[in-house]
Amino acid sequence: MRPEQAVSWYRRMSAVYAFGTWTLLGSLIFFGRKKSNPLGDELKQKDELTEPPKGFYVETIVTYKEDFVPITDRILNYWKSWTGGRGPES
């Protein structure tokens, strides 16, 4: 890499890092003040329900596969195959 390219790359990455840092700090300050300064007690709404709404029905169906391998294990086995570690144990 030529020195001119290295300098321009360094400046670009510094700008990206600075933008990310200021964005993170700004959002932390914004949400911190938002939580600590409520708009007033008279504007607060009651979030919890005393009884469930009528006609509301939820059904959850969970399907289990017989030979299911979690994606984290798949990634780990793939990584081990490249790094020379022990692969999947069959």
PDB file of N, CA and C in Angstrom:
ATOM      1  N   MET A   1       0.847  -1.163   0.000  1.00  0.00           N
ATOM      2  CA  MET A   1       0.000   0.000   0.000  1.00  0.00           C
ATOM      3  C   MET A   1       0.893   1.227   0.000  1.00  0.00           C
ATOM      4  N   ARG A   2       0.557   2.139  -0.856  1.00  0.00           N
ATOM      5  CA  ARG A   2       1.354   3.375  -0.932  1.00  0.00           C
ATOM      6  C   ARG A   2       1.025   4.265   0.253  1.00  0.00           C
ATOM      7  N   PRO A   3       1.960   5.139   0.622  1.00  0.00           N
ATOM      8  CA  PRO A   3       1.729   6.011   1.782  1.00  0.00           C
ATOM      9  C   PRO A   3       0.498   6.910   1.613  1.00  0.00           C
ATOM     10  N   GLU A   4       0.251   7.390   0.387  1.00  0.00           N
ATOM     11  CA  GLU A   4      -0.911   8.264   0.166  1.00  0.00           C
ATOM     12  C   GLU A   4      -2.212   7.490   0.413  1.00  0.00           C
ATOM     13  N   GLN A   5      -2.232   6.223  -0.024  1.00  0.00           N
ATOM     14  CA  GLN A   5      -3.422   5.410   0.194  1.00  0.00           C
ATOM     15  C   GLN A   5      -3.620   5.122   1.682  1.00  0.00           C
ATOM     16  N   ALA A   6      -2.525   4.871   2.356  1.00  0.00           N
ATOM     17  CA  ALA A   6      -2.613   4.578   3.782  1.00  0.00           C
ATOM     18  C   ALA A   6      -3.146   5.785   4.557  1.00  0.00           C
ATOM     19  N   VAL A   7      -2.695   6.962   4.200  1.00  0.00           N
ATOM     20  CA  VAL A   7      -3.134   8.175   4.893  1.00  0.00           C
ATOM     21  C   VAL A   7      -4.628   8.410   4.633  1.00  0.00           C
ATOM     22  N   SER A   8      -5.049   8.257   3.373  1.00  0.00           N
ATOM     23  CA  SER A   8      -6.461   8.482   3.070  1.00  0.00           C
ATOM     24  C   SER A   8      -7.338   7.422   3.751  1.00  0.00           C
ATOM     25  N   TRP A   9      -6.871   6.184   3.788  1.00  0.00           N
ATOM     26  CA  TRP A   9      -7.621   5.127   4.459  1.00  0.00           C
ATOM     27  C   TRP A   9      -7.727   5.416   5.956  1.00  0.00           C
ATOM     28  N   TYR A  10      -6.631   5.865   6.550  1.00  0.00           N
ATOM     29  CA  TYR A  10      -6.609   6.186   7.973  1.00  0.00           C
ATOM     30  C   TYR A  10      -7.596   7.311   8.285  1.00  0.00           C
ATOM     31  N   ARG A  11      -7.633   8.338   7.437  1.00  0.00           N
ATOM     32  CA  ARG A  11      -8.554   9.458   7.668  1.00  0.00           C
ATOM     33  C   ARG A  11     -10.004   9.005   7.531  1.00  0.00           C
ATOM     34  N   ARG A  12     -10.289   8.164   6.542  1.00  0.00           N
ATOM     35  CA  ARG A  12     -11.653   7.679   6.361  1.00  0.00           C
ATOM     36  C   ARG A  12     -12.091   6.856   7.571  1.00  0.00           C
ATOM     37  N   MET A  13     -11.229   5.962   8.017  1.00  0.00           N
ATOM     38  CA  MET A  13     -11.590   5.132   9.166  1.00  0.00           C
ATOM     39  C   MET A  13     -11.721   5.960  10.440  1.00  0.00           C
ATOM     40  N   SER A  14     -10.927   6.996  10.575  1.00  0.00           N
ATOM     41  CA  SER A  14     -11.059   7.882  11.734  1.00  0.00           C
ATOM     42  C   SER A  14     -12.399   8.595  11.712  1.00  0.00           C
ATOM     43  N   ALA A  15     -12.846   9.027  10.544  1.00  0.00           N
ATOM     44  CA  ALA A  15     -14.144   9.693  10.422  1.00  0.00           C
ATOM     45  C   ALA A  15     -15.273   8.717  10.746  1.00  0.00           C
ATOM     46  N   VAL A  16     -15.181   7.485  10.255  1.00  0.00           N
ATOM     47  CA  VAL A  16     -16.209   6.486  10.549  1.00  0.00           C
ATOM     48  C   VAL A  16     -16.251   6.188  12.044  1.00  0.00           C
ATOM     49  N   TYR A  17     -15.106   6.050  12.666  1.00  0.00           N
ATOM     50  CA  TYR A  17     -15.036   5.782  14.103  1.00  0.00           C
ATOM     51  C   TYR A  17     -15.618   6.951  14.893  1.00  0.00           C
ATOM     52  N   ALA A  18     -15.266   8.170  14.513  1.00  0.00           N
ATOM     53  CA  ALA A  18     -15.775   9.350  15.210  1.00  0.00           C
ATOM     54  C   ALA A  18     -17.292   9.451  15.071  1.00  0.00           C
ATOM     55  N   PHE A  19     -17.811   9.184  13.884  1.00  0.00           N
ATOM     56  CA  PHE A  19     -19.259   9.229  13.668  1.00  0.00           C
ATOM     57  C   PHE A  19     -19.967   8.205  14.548  1.00  0.00           C
ATOM     58  N   GLY A  20     -19.445   7.000  14.604  1.00  0.00           N
ATOM     59  CA  GLY A  20     -20.050   5.963  15.433  1.00  0.00           C
ATOM     60  C   GLY A  20     -20.002   6.301  16.910  1.00  0.00           C
ATOM     61  N   THR A  21     -18.891   6.851  17.355  1.00  0.00           N
ATOM     62  CA  THR A  21     -18.729   7.215  18.759  1.00  0.00           C
ATOM     63  C   THR A  21     -19.711   8.301  19.154  1.00  0.00           C
ATOM     64  N   TRP A  22     -19.806   9.360  18.345  1.00  0.00           N
ATOM     65  CA  TRP A  22     -20.720  10.455  18.662  1.00  0.00           C
ATOM     66  C   TRP A  22     -22.173  10.014  18.569  1.00  0.00           C
ATOM     67  N   THR A  23     -22.477   9.106  17.659  1.00  0.00           N
ATOM     68  CA  THR A  23     -23.833   8.584  17.569  1.00  0.00           C
ATOM     69  C   THR A  23     -24.188   7.798  18.825  1.00  0.00           C
ATOM     70  N   LEU A  24     -23.281   6.953  19.283  1.00  0.00           N
ATOM     71  CA  LEU A  24     -23.510   6.181  20.496  1.00  0.00           C
ATOM     72  C   LEU A  24     -23.683   7.094  21.707  1.00  0.00           C
ATOM     73  N   LEU A  25     -22.784   8.047  21.871  1.00  0.00           N
ATOM     74  CA  LEU A  25     -22.877   8.952  23.013  1.00  0.00           C
ATOM     75  C   LEU A  25     -24.157   9.784  22.957  1.00  0.00           C
ATOM     76  N   GLY A  26     -24.507  10.264  21.775  1.00  0.00           N
ATOM     77  CA  GLY A  26     -25.728  11.056  21.639  1.00  0.00           C
ATOM     78  C   GLY A  26     -26.972  10.265  21.982  1.00  0.00           C
ATOM     79  N   SER A  27     -27.031   9.025  21.533  1.00  0.00           N
ATOM     80  CA  SER A  27     -28.212   8.215  21.840  1.00  0.00           C
ATOM     81  C   SER A  27     -28.267   7.870  23.322  1.00  0.00           C
ATOM     82  N   LEU A  28     -27.124   7.621  23.952  1.00  0.00           N
ATOM     83  CA  LEU A  28     -27.120   7.341  25.390  1.00  0.00           C
ATOM     84  C   LEU A  28     -27.609   8.551  26.183  1.00  0.00           C
ATOM     85  N   ILE A  29     -27.154   9.736  25.804  1.00  0.00           N
ATOM     86  CA  ILE A  29     -27.597  10.949  26.494  1.00  0.00           C
ATOM     87  C   ILE A  29     -29.079  11.179  26.255  1.00  0.00           C
ATOM     88  N   PHE A  30     -29.522  11.021  25.019  1.00  0.00           N
ATOM     89  CA  PHE A  30     -30.930  11.247  24.677  1.00  0.00           C
ATOM     90  C   PHE A  30     -31.846  10.306  25.445  1.00  0.00           C
ATOM     91  N   PHE A  31     -31.552   9.017  25.411  1.00  0.00           N
ATOM     92  CA  PHE A  31     -32.428   8.072  26.083  1.00  0.00           C
ATOM     93  C   PHE A  31     -32.283   8.151  27.598  1.00  0.00           C
ATOM     94  N   GLY A  32     -31.115   8.527  28.091  1.00  0.00           N
ATOM     95  CA  GLY A  32     -30.943   8.710  29.530  1.00  0.00           C
ATOM     96  C   GLY A  32     -31.792   9.845  30.057  1.00  0.00           C
ATOM     97  N   ARG A  33     -31.839  10.955  29.331  1.00  0.00           N
ATOM     98  CA  ARG A  33     -32.660  12.087  29.754  1.00  0.00           C
ATOM     99  C   ARG A  33     -34.138  11.790  29.566  1.00  0.00           C
ATOM    100  N   LYS A  34     -34.458  11.038  28.536  1.00  0.00           N
ATOM    101  CA  LYS A  34     -35.861  10.711  28.273  1.00  0.00           C
ATOM    102  C   LYS A  34     -36.439   9.871  29.408  1.00  0.00           C
ATOM    103  N   LYS A  35     -35.647   8.942  29.947  1.00  0.00           N
ATOM    104  CA  LYS A  35     -36.123   8.094  31.041  1.00  0.00           C
ATOM    105  C   LYS A  35     -36.155   8.845  32.368  1.00  0.00           C
ATOM    106  N   SER A  36     -35.199   9.737  32.591  1.00  0.00           N
ATOM    107  CA  SER A  36     -35.119  10.396  33.891  1.00  0.00           C
ATOM    108  C   SER A  36     -36.076  11.578  34.017  1.00  0.00           C
ATOM    109  N   ASN A  37     -36.545  12.158  32.912  1.00  0.00           N
ATOM    110  CA  ASN A  37     -37.451  13.299  32.957  1.00  0.00           C
ATOM    111  C   ASN A  37     -38.790  12.948  32.331  1.00  0.00           C
ATOM    112  N   PRO A  38     -39.707  12.341  33.104  1.00  0.00           N
ATOM    113  CA  PRO A  38     -41.026  12.067  32.532  1.00  0.00           C
ATOM    114  C   PRO A  38     -41.761  13.376  32.288  1.00  0.00           C
ATOM    115  N   LEU A  39     -42.701  13.376  31.372  1.00  0.00           N
ATOM    116  CA  LEU A  39     -43.403  14.592  30.988  1.00  0.00           C
ATOM    117  C   LEU A  39     -44.422  15.057  32.026  1.00  0.00           C
ATOM    118  N   GLY A  40     -44.721  14.271  32.979  1.00  0.00           N
ATOM    119  CA  GLY A  40     -45.660  14.665  34.023  1.00  0.00           C
ATOM    120  C   GLY A  40     -46.534  13.498  34.423  1.00  0.00           C
ATOM    121  N   ASP A  41     -47.021  13.559  35.655  1.00  0.00           N
ATOM    122  CA  ASP A  41     -47.838  12.468  36.155  1.00  0.00           C
ATOM    123  C   ASP A  41     -49.205  12.425  35.479  1.00  0.00           C
ATOM    124  N   GLU A  42     -49.744  13.593  35.091  1.00  0.00           N
ATOM    125  CA  GLU A  42     -51.064  13.599  34.497  1.00  0.00           C
ATOM    126  C   GLU A  42     -51.056  13.019  33.087  1.00  0.00           C
ATOM    127  N   LEU A  43     -49.901  12.939  32.438  1.00  0.00           N
ATOM    128  CA  LEU A  43     -49.819  12.395  31.088  1.00  0.00           C
ATOM    129  C   LEU A  43     -49.521  10.904  31.067  1.00  0.00           C
ATOM    130  N   LYS A  44     -49.216  10.337  32.226  1.00  0.00           N
ATOM    131  CA  LYS A  44     -48.901   8.918  32.269  1.00  0.00           C
ATOM    132  C   LYS A  44     -50.145   8.096  31.987  1.00  0.00           C
ATOM    133  N   GLN A  45     -49.963   7.046  31.206  1.00  0.00           N
ATOM    134  CA  GLN A  45     -51.066   6.155  30.913  1.00  0.00           C
ATOM    135  C   GLN A  45     -50.835   4.842  31.636  1.00  0.00           C
ATOM    136  N   LYS A  46     -51.916   4.186  31.973  1.00  0.00           N
ATOM    137  CA  LYS A  46     -51.807   2.910  32.651  1.00  0.00           C
ATOM    138  C   LYS A  46     -51.486   1.845  31.613  1.00  0.00           C
ATOM    139  N   ASP A  47     -50.334   1.179  31.737  1.00  0.00           N
ATOM    140  CA  ASP A  47     -49.878   0.212  30.755  1.00  0.00           C
ATOM    141  C   ASP A  47     -50.438  -1.189  30.999  1.00  0.00           C
ATOM    142  N   GLU A  48     -50.748  -1.514  32.220  1.00  0.00           N
ATOM    143  CA  GLU A  48     -51.173  -2.881  32.510  1.00  0.00           C
ATOM    144  C   GLU A  48     -52.691  -2.992  32.443  1.00  0.00           C
ATOM    145  N   LEU A  49     -53.159  -4.110  31.984  1.00  0.00           N
ATOM    146  CA  LEU A  49     -54.584  -4.366  31.873  1.00  0.00           C
ATOM    147  C   LEU A  49     -55.065  -5.108  33.114  1.00  0.00           C
ATOM    148  N   THR A  50     -56.262  -4.774  33.562  1.00  0.00           N
ATOM    149  CA  THR A  50     -56.795  -5.456  34.738  1.00  0.00           C
ATOM    150  C   THR A  50     -57.337  -6.831  34.369  1.00  0.00           C
ATOM    151  N   GLU A  51     -57.866  -6.970  33.146  1.00  0.00           N
ATOM    152  CA  GLU A  51     -58.337  -8.267  32.672  1.00  0.00           C
ATOM    153  C   GLU A  51     -58.012  -8.388  31.188  1.00  0.00           C
ATOM    154  N   PRO A  52     -57.846  -9.604  30.701  1.00  0.00           N
ATOM    155  CA  PRO A  52     -57.503  -9.766  29.285  1.00  0.00           C
ATOM    156  C   PRO A  52     -58.660  -9.328  28.394  1.00  0.00           C
ATOM    157  N   PRO A  53     -58.370  -8.775  27.216  1.00  0.00           N
ATOM    158  CA  PRO A  53     -59.444  -8.355  26.320  1.00  0.00           C
ATOM    159  C   PRO A  53     -60.267  -9.553  25.853  1.00  0.00           C
ATOM    160  N   LYS A  54     -61.538  -9.336  25.647  1.00  0.00           N
ATOM    161  CA  LYS A  54     -62.437 -10.417  25.244  1.00  0.00           C
ATOM    162  C   LYS A  54     -62.228 -10.730  23.772  1.00  0.00           C
ATOM    163  N   GLY A  55     -62.273 -12.034  23.435  1.00  0.00           N
ATOM    164  CA  GLY A  55     -62.095 -12.447  22.050  1.00  0.00           C
ATOM    165  C   GLY A  55     -60.646 -12.503  21.614  1.00  0.00           C
ATOM    166  N   PHE A  56     -59.747 -12.386  22.553  1.00  0.00           N
ATOM    167  CA  PHE A  56     -58.320 -12.401  22.238  1.00  0.00           C
ATOM    168  C   PHE A  56     -57.782 -13.805  22.489  1.00  0.00           C
ATOM    169  N   TYR A  57     -57.183 -14.395  21.485  1.00  0.00           N
ATOM    170  CA  TYR A  57     -56.743 -15.785  21.585  1.00  0.00           C
ATOM    171  C   TYR A  57     -55.359 -15.917  20.962  1.00  0.00           C
ATOM    172  N   VAL A  58     -54.453 -16.564  21.676  1.00  0.00           N
ATOM    173  CA  VAL A  58     -53.093 -16.782  21.186  1.00  0.00           C
ATOM    174  C   VAL A  58     -52.803 -18.272  21.238  1.00  0.00           C
ATOM    175  N   GLU A  59     -52.241 -18.787  20.160  1.00  0.00           N
ATOM    176  CA  GLU A  59     -51.864 -20.194  20.112  1.00  0.00           C
ATOM    177  C   GLU A  59     -50.430 -20.270  19.615  1.00  0.00           C
ATOM    178  N   THR A  60     -49.622 -21.036  20.301  1.00  0.00           N
ATOM    179  CA  THR A  60     -48.233 -21.213  19.919  1.00  0.00           C
ATOM    180  C   THR A  60     -48.000 -22.668  19.570  1.00  0.00           C
ATOM    181  N   ILE A  61     -47.443 -22.902  18.400  1.00  0.00           N
ATOM    182  CA  ILE A  61     -47.137 -24.260  17.967  1.00  0.00           C
ATOM    183  C   ILE A  61     -45.623 -24.371  17.856  1.00  0.00           C
ATOM    184  N   VAL A  62     -45.056 -25.302  18.594  1.00  0.00           N
ATOM    185  CA  VAL A  62     -43.619 -25.531  18.577  1.00  0.00           C
ATOM    186  C   VAL A  62     -43.369 -26.869  17.905  1.00  0.00           C
ATOM    187  N   THR A  63     -42.520 -26.863  16.868  1.00  0.00           N
ATOM    188  CA  THR A  63     -42.194 -28.088  16.150  1.00  0.00           C
ATOM    189  C   THR A  63     -40.728 -28.408  16.381  1.00  0.00           C
ATOM    190  N   TYR A  64     -40.462 -29.593  16.857  1.00  0.00           N
ATOM    191  CA  TYR A  64     -39.099 -30.026  17.093  1.00  0.00           C
ATOM    192  C   TYR A  64     -38.680 -30.981  15.990  1.00  0.00           C
ATOM    193  N   LYS A  65     -37.493 -30.756  15.447  1.00  0.00           N
ATOM    194  CA  LYS A  65     -36.962 -31.680  14.452  1.00  0.00           C
ATOM    195  C   LYS A  65     -36.144 -32.744  15.167  1.00  0.00           C
ATOM    196  N   GLU A  66     -36.097 -33.914  14.596  1.00  0.00           N
ATOM    197  CA  GLU A  66     -35.437 -35.042  15.249  1.00  0.00           C
ATOM    198  C   GLU A  66     -33.915 -34.859  15.319  1.00  0.00           C
ATOM    199  N   ASP A  67     -33.290 -34.535  14.217  1.00  0.00           N
ATOM    200  CA  ASP A  67     -31.826 -34.385  14.167  1.00  0.00           C
ATOM    201  C   ASP A  67     -31.437 -32.920  13.988  1.00  0.00           C
ATOM    202  N   PHE A  68     -31.992 -32.036  14.782  1.00  0.00           N
ATOM    203  CA  PHE A  68     -31.743 -30.606  14.646  1.00  0.00           C
ATOM    204  C   PHE A  68     -30.396 -30.239  15.253  1.00  0.00           C
ATOM    205  N   VAL A  69     -29.591 -29.453  14.515  1.00  0.00           N
ATOM    206  CA  VAL A  69     -28.312 -28.942  14.999  1.00  0.00           C
ATOM    207  C   VAL A  69     -28.423 -27.421  15.038  1.00  0.00           C
ATOM    208  N   PRO A  70     -28.249 -26.807  16.192  1.00  0.00           N
ATOM    209  CA  PRO A  70     -28.347 -25.350  16.280  1.00  0.00           C
ATOM    210  C   PRO A  70     -27.318 -24.665  15.386  1.00  0.00           C
ATOM    211  N   ILE A  71     -27.673 -23.473  14.929  1.00  0.00           N
ATOM    212  CA  ILE A  71     -26.810 -22.736  14.009  1.00  0.00           C
ATOM    213  C   ILE A  71     -25.474 -22.388  14.667  1.00  0.00           C
ATOM    214  N   THR A  72     -25.464 -22.177  15.986  1.00  0.00           N
ATOM    215  CA  THR A  72     -24.203 -21.861  16.656  1.00  0.00           C
ATOM    216  C   THR A  72     -23.250 -23.052  16.599  1.00  0.00           C
ATOM    217  N   ASP A  73     -23.789 -24.264  16.743  1.00  0.00           N
ATOM    218  CA  ASP A  73     -22.938 -25.452  16.637  1.00  0.00           C
ATOM    219  C   ASP A  73     -22.425 -25.631  15.210  1.00  0.00           C
ATOM    220  N   ARG A  74     -23.264 -25.324  14.234  1.00  0.00           N
ATOM    221  CA  ARG A  74     -22.823 -25.420  12.846  1.00  0.00           C
ATOM    222  C   ARG A  74     -21.672 -24.470  12.553  1.00  0.00           C
ATOM    223  N   ILE A  75     -21.796 -23.228  13.037  1.00  0.00           N
ATOM    224  CA  ILE A  75     -20.733 -22.237  12.825  1.00  0.00           C
ATOM    225  C   ILE A  75     -19.464 -22.674  13.536  1.00  0.00           C
ATOM    226  N   LEU A  76     -19.603 -23.158  14.763  1.00  0.00           N
ATOM    227  CA  LEU A  76     -18.433 -23.605  15.526  1.00  0.00           C
ATOM    228  C   LEU A  76     -17.741 -24.777  14.838  1.00  0.00           C
ATOM    229  N   ASN A  77     -18.505 -25.729  14.343  1.00  0.00           N
ATOM    230  CA  ASN A  77     -17.917 -26.872  13.637  1.00  0.00           C
ATOM    231  C   ASN A  77     -17.219 -26.437  12.351  1.00  0.00           C
ATOM    232  N   TYR A  78     -17.831 -25.490  11.644  1.00  0.00           N
ATOM    233  CA  TYR A  78     -17.208 -24.971  10.426  1.00  0.00           C
ATOM    234  C   TYR A  78     -15.898 -24.269  10.753  1.00  0.00           C
ATOM    235  N   TRP A  79     -15.905 -23.464  11.825  1.00  0.00           N
ATOM    236  CA  TRP A  79     -14.694 -22.753  12.236  1.00  0.00           C
ATOM    237  C   TRP A  79     -13.598 -23.745  12.630  1.00  0.00           C
ATOM    238  N   LYS A  80     -13.964 -24.774  13.372  1.00  0.00           N
ATOM    239  CA  LYS A  80     -12.985 -25.770  13.796  1.00  0.00           C
ATOM    240  C   LYS A  80     -12.404 -26.526  12.606  1.00  0.00           C
ATOM    241  N   SER A  81     -13.228 -26.744  11.572  1.00  0.00           N
ATOM    242  CA  SER A  81     -12.711 -27.446  10.399  1.00  0.00           C
ATOM    243  C   SER A  81     -11.650 -26.628   9.687  1.00  0.00           C
ATOM    244  N   TRP A  82     -11.744 -25.297   9.763  1.00  0.00           N
ATOM    245  CA  TRP A  82     -10.745 -24.440   9.114  1.00  0.00           C
ATOM    246  C   TRP A  82      -9.510 -24.249   9.986  1.00  0.00           C
ATOM    247  N   THR A  83      -9.695 -24.233  11.296  1.00  0.00           N
ATOM    248  CA  THR A  83      -8.559 -23.955  12.184  1.00  0.00           C
ATOM    249  C   THR A  83      -7.834 -25.207  12.624  1.00  0.00           C
ATOM    250  N   GLY A  84      -8.303 -26.363  12.249  1.00  0.00           N
ATOM    251  CA  GLY A  84      -7.602 -27.595  12.562  1.00  0.00           C
ATOM    252  C   GLY A  84      -8.006 -28.211  13.882  1.00  0.00           C
ATOM    253  N   GLY A  85      -9.021 -27.655  14.530  1.00  0.00           N
ATOM    254  CA  GLY A  85      -9.512 -28.241  15.780  1.00  0.00           C
ATOM    255  C   GLY A  85     -10.340 -29.467  15.500  1.00  0.00           C
ATOM    256  N   ARG A  86     -10.836 -30.065  16.577  1.00  0.00           N
ATOM    257  CA  ARG A  86     -11.690 -31.226  16.404  1.00  0.00           C
ATOM    258  C   ARG A  86     -13.007 -30.805  15.786  1.00  0.00           C
ATOM    259  N   GLY A  87     -13.418 -31.481  14.780  1.00  0.00           N
ATOM    260  CA  GLY A  87     -14.665 -31.160  14.088  1.00  0.00           C
ATOM    261  C   GLY A  87     -15.848 -31.731  14.810  1.00  0.00           C
ATOM    262  N   PRO A  88     -16.964 -31.879  14.126  1.00  0.00           N
ATOM    263  CA  PRO A  88     -18.162 -32.408  14.774  1.00  0.00           C
ATOM    264  C   PRO A  88     -17.937 -33.855  15.195  1.00  0.00           C
ATOM    265  N   GLU A  89     -18.418 -34.149  16.372  1.00  0.00           N
ATOM    266  CA  GLU A  89     -18.275 -35.514  16.880  1.00  0.00           C
ATOM    267  C   GLU A  89     -19.515 -36.293  16.486  1.00  0.00           C
ATOM    268  N   SER A  90     -19.359 -37.305  15.644  1.00  0.00           N
ATOM    269  CA  SER A  90     -20.511 -38.084  15.178  1.00  0.00           C
ATOM    270  C   SER A  90     -20.602 -39.389  15.927  1.00  0.00           C
TER     271      SER A  90
END
